[in-house]
Amino acid sequence: MKIIPEVVKAQLVSVISDRRFFITGLPDESLGEKIVLLVEGNETKISFDQLGKYEKPKEINFIHKFVETESGKVCRQETINLVFY
């Protein structure tokens, strides 16, 4: 099943409108790759009612502050490395 992160993100923007977040795929033994949601800030409840069965993240991680470039853009890979590796 091919999941496009940008499509999932577009559906979550209305639910997670007060903080930064991004969707990524990480290797998984049983799935091959799983959808992971990283959210900046304190842990909070997030509704995934608007997402399809295969679009729902298999893992959600809250991180105090994303890694940023000097211009304030999110360094996705460095943030992923900070959380998972």
C-alpha atoms as a PDB file:
ATOM      1  CA  MET A   1       0.000   0.000   0.000  1.00  0.00           C
ATOM      2  CA  LYS A   2       1.528   3.328  -1.082  1.00  0.00           C
ATOM      3  CA  ILE A   3       0.902   6.188   1.365  1.00  0.00           C
ATOM      4  CA  ILE A   4       1.868   9.733   0.392  1.00  0.00           C
ATOM      5  CA  PRO A   5       3.006  11.712   3.475  1.00  0.00           C
ATOM      6  CA  GLU A   6       1.909  15.054   1.999  1.00  0.00           C
ATOM      7  CA  VAL A   7      -1.675  13.781   1.641  1.00  0.00           C
ATOM      8  CA  VAL A   8      -1.759  12.583   5.255  1.00  0.00           C
ATOM      9  CA  LYS A   9      -0.244  15.870   6.427  1.00  0.00           C
ATOM     10  CA  ALA A  10      -2.866  17.874   4.526  1.00  0.00           C
ATOM     11  CA  GLN A  11      -5.608  15.970   6.339  1.00  0.00           C
ATOM     12  CA  LEU A  12      -3.980  16.522   9.738  1.00  0.00           C
ATOM     13  CA  VAL A  13      -3.458  20.281   9.354  1.00  0.00           C
ATOM     14  CA  SER A  14      -6.971  21.012  10.603  1.00  0.00           C
ATOM     15  CA  VAL A  15      -6.475  18.755  13.652  1.00  0.00           C
ATOM     16  CA  ILE A  16      -2.933  19.846  14.553  1.00  0.00           C
ATOM     17  CA  SER A  17      -3.083  23.541  13.748  1.00  0.00           C
ATOM     18  CA  ASP A  18      -1.295  25.001  16.777  1.00  0.00           C
ATOM     19  CA  ARG A  19       2.118  23.341  16.408  1.00  0.00           C
ATOM     20  CA  ARG A  20       4.587  22.034  13.874  1.00  0.00           C
ATOM     21  CA  PHE A  21       4.566  18.384  12.851  1.00  0.00           C
ATOM     22  CA  PHE A  22       5.648  16.103  10.057  1.00  0.00           C
ATOM     23  CA  ILE A  23       5.014  12.599   8.784  1.00  0.00           C
ATOM     24  CA  THR A  24       7.797  10.191   7.890  1.00  0.00           C
ATOM     25  CA  GLY A  25       8.222   6.538   7.089  1.00  0.00           C
ATOM     26  CA  LEU A  26      10.540   4.301   9.086  1.00  0.00           C
ATOM     27  CA  PRO A  27      11.573   0.680   8.513  1.00  0.00           C
ATOM     28  CA  ASP A  28       9.366  -1.916  10.180  1.00  0.00           C
ATOM     29  CA  GLU A  29       9.849  -5.692  10.330  1.00  0.00           C
ATOM     30  CA  SER A  30       6.223  -6.668   9.739  1.00  0.00           C
ATOM     31  CA  LEU A  31       5.052  -3.748   7.563  1.00  0.00           C
ATOM     32  CA  GLY A  32       8.226  -3.048   5.607  1.00  0.00           C
ATOM     33  CA  GLU A  33       7.777   0.627   6.429  1.00  0.00           C
ATOM     34  CA  LYS A  34       5.492   2.316   8.958  1.00  0.00           C
ATOM     35  CA  ILE A  35       4.037   5.810   9.141  1.00  0.00           C
ATOM     36  CA  VAL A  36       5.398   7.858  12.032  1.00  0.00           C
ATOM     37  CA  LEU A  37       4.095  11.245  13.195  1.00  0.00           C
ATOM     38  CA  LEU A  38       6.489  13.645  14.913  1.00  0.00           C
ATOM     39  CA  VAL A  39       4.904  16.570  16.756  1.00  0.00           C
ATOM     40  CA  GLU A  40       6.694  19.532  18.315  1.00  0.00           C
ATOM     41  CA  GLY A  41       5.641  20.409  21.850  1.00  0.00           C
ATOM     42  CA  ASN A  42       3.999  18.726  24.794  1.00  0.00           C
ATOM     43  CA  GLU A  43       2.036  15.518  24.432  1.00  0.00           C
ATOM     44  CA  THR A  44      -1.632  15.952  23.584  1.00  0.00           C
ATOM     45  CA  LYS A  45      -4.469  13.816  22.263  1.00  0.00           C
ATOM     46  CA  ILE A  46      -4.810  13.818  18.473  1.00  0.00           C
ATOM     47  CA  SER A  47      -7.870  12.534  16.609  1.00  0.00           C
ATOM     48  CA  PHE A  48      -7.245  10.442  13.503  1.00  0.00           C
ATOM     49  CA  ASP A  49     -10.928  10.017  12.601  1.00  0.00           C
ATOM     50  CA  GLN A  50     -10.455  11.745   9.235  1.00  0.00           C
ATOM     51  CA  LEU A  51      -7.679   9.348   8.159  1.00  0.00           C
ATOM     52  CA  GLY A  52      -8.129   6.038   6.396  1.00  0.00           C
ATOM     53  CA  LYS A  53      -7.101   2.742   7.971  1.00  0.00           C
ATOM     54  CA  TYR A  54      -3.694   2.666   6.297  1.00  0.00           C
ATOM     55  CA  GLU A  55      -3.031   6.398   6.716  1.00  0.00           C
ATOM     56  CA  LYS A  56      -3.111   6.387  10.528  1.00  0.00           C
ATOM     57  CA  PRO A  57       0.360   6.701  12.062  1.00  0.00           C
ATOM     58  CA  LYS A  58       1.599   3.525  13.717  1.00  0.00           C
ATOM     59  CA  GLU A  59       3.722   5.617  16.067  1.00  0.00           C
ATOM     60  CA  ILE A  60       3.439   9.159  17.445  1.00  0.00           C
ATOM     61  CA  ASN A  61       6.383  10.960  19.015  1.00  0.00           C
ATOM     62  CA  PHE A  62       6.320  14.315  20.739  1.00  0.00           C
ATOM     63  CA  ILE A  63       9.584  16.237  20.879  1.00  0.00           C
ATOM     64  CA  HIS A  64      10.141  19.438  22.842  1.00  0.00           C
ATOM     65  CA  LYS A  65      11.773  21.298  19.932  1.00  0.00           C
ATOM     66  CA  PHE A  66      12.571  20.254  16.371  1.00  0.00           C
ATOM     67  CA  VAL A  67      16.135  20.656  15.113  1.00  0.00           C
ATOM     68  CA  GLU A  68      16.266  23.793  12.933  1.00  0.00           C
ATOM     69  CA  THR A  69      18.535  25.443  10.403  1.00  0.00           C
ATOM     70  CA  GLU A  70      19.836  28.951  11.078  1.00  0.00           C
ATOM     71  CA  SER A  71      16.892  30.322   9.078  1.00  0.00           C
ATOM     72  CA  GLY A  72      14.349  28.452  11.239  1.00  0.00           C
ATOM     73  CA  LYS A  73      13.453  25.630   8.855  1.00  0.00           C
ATOM     74  CA  VAL A  74      12.982  22.147  10.320  1.00  0.00           C
ATOM     75  CA  CYS A  75      15.883  19.742   9.748  1.00  0.00           C
ATOM     76  CA  ARG A  76      13.737  16.658   9.287  1.00  0.00           C
ATOM     77  CA  GLN A  77      16.511  14.065   9.100  1.00  0.00           C
ATOM     78  CA  GLU A  78      18.365  15.473  12.108  1.00  0.00           C
ATOM     79  CA  THR A  79      15.111  15.536  14.104  1.00  0.00           C
ATOM     80  CA  ILE A  80      14.411  11.921  13.118  1.00  0.00           C
ATOM     81  CA  ASN A  81      17.945  10.935  14.114  1.00  0.00           C
ATOM     82  CA  LEU A  82      17.520  12.688  17.476  1.00  0.00           C
ATOM     83  CA  VAL A  83      14.335  10.750  18.227  1.00  0.00           C
ATOM     84  CA  PHE A  84      15.088   7.301  16.797  1.00  0.00           C
ATOM     85  CA  TYR A  85      18.836   6.793  16.524  1.00  0.00           C
END
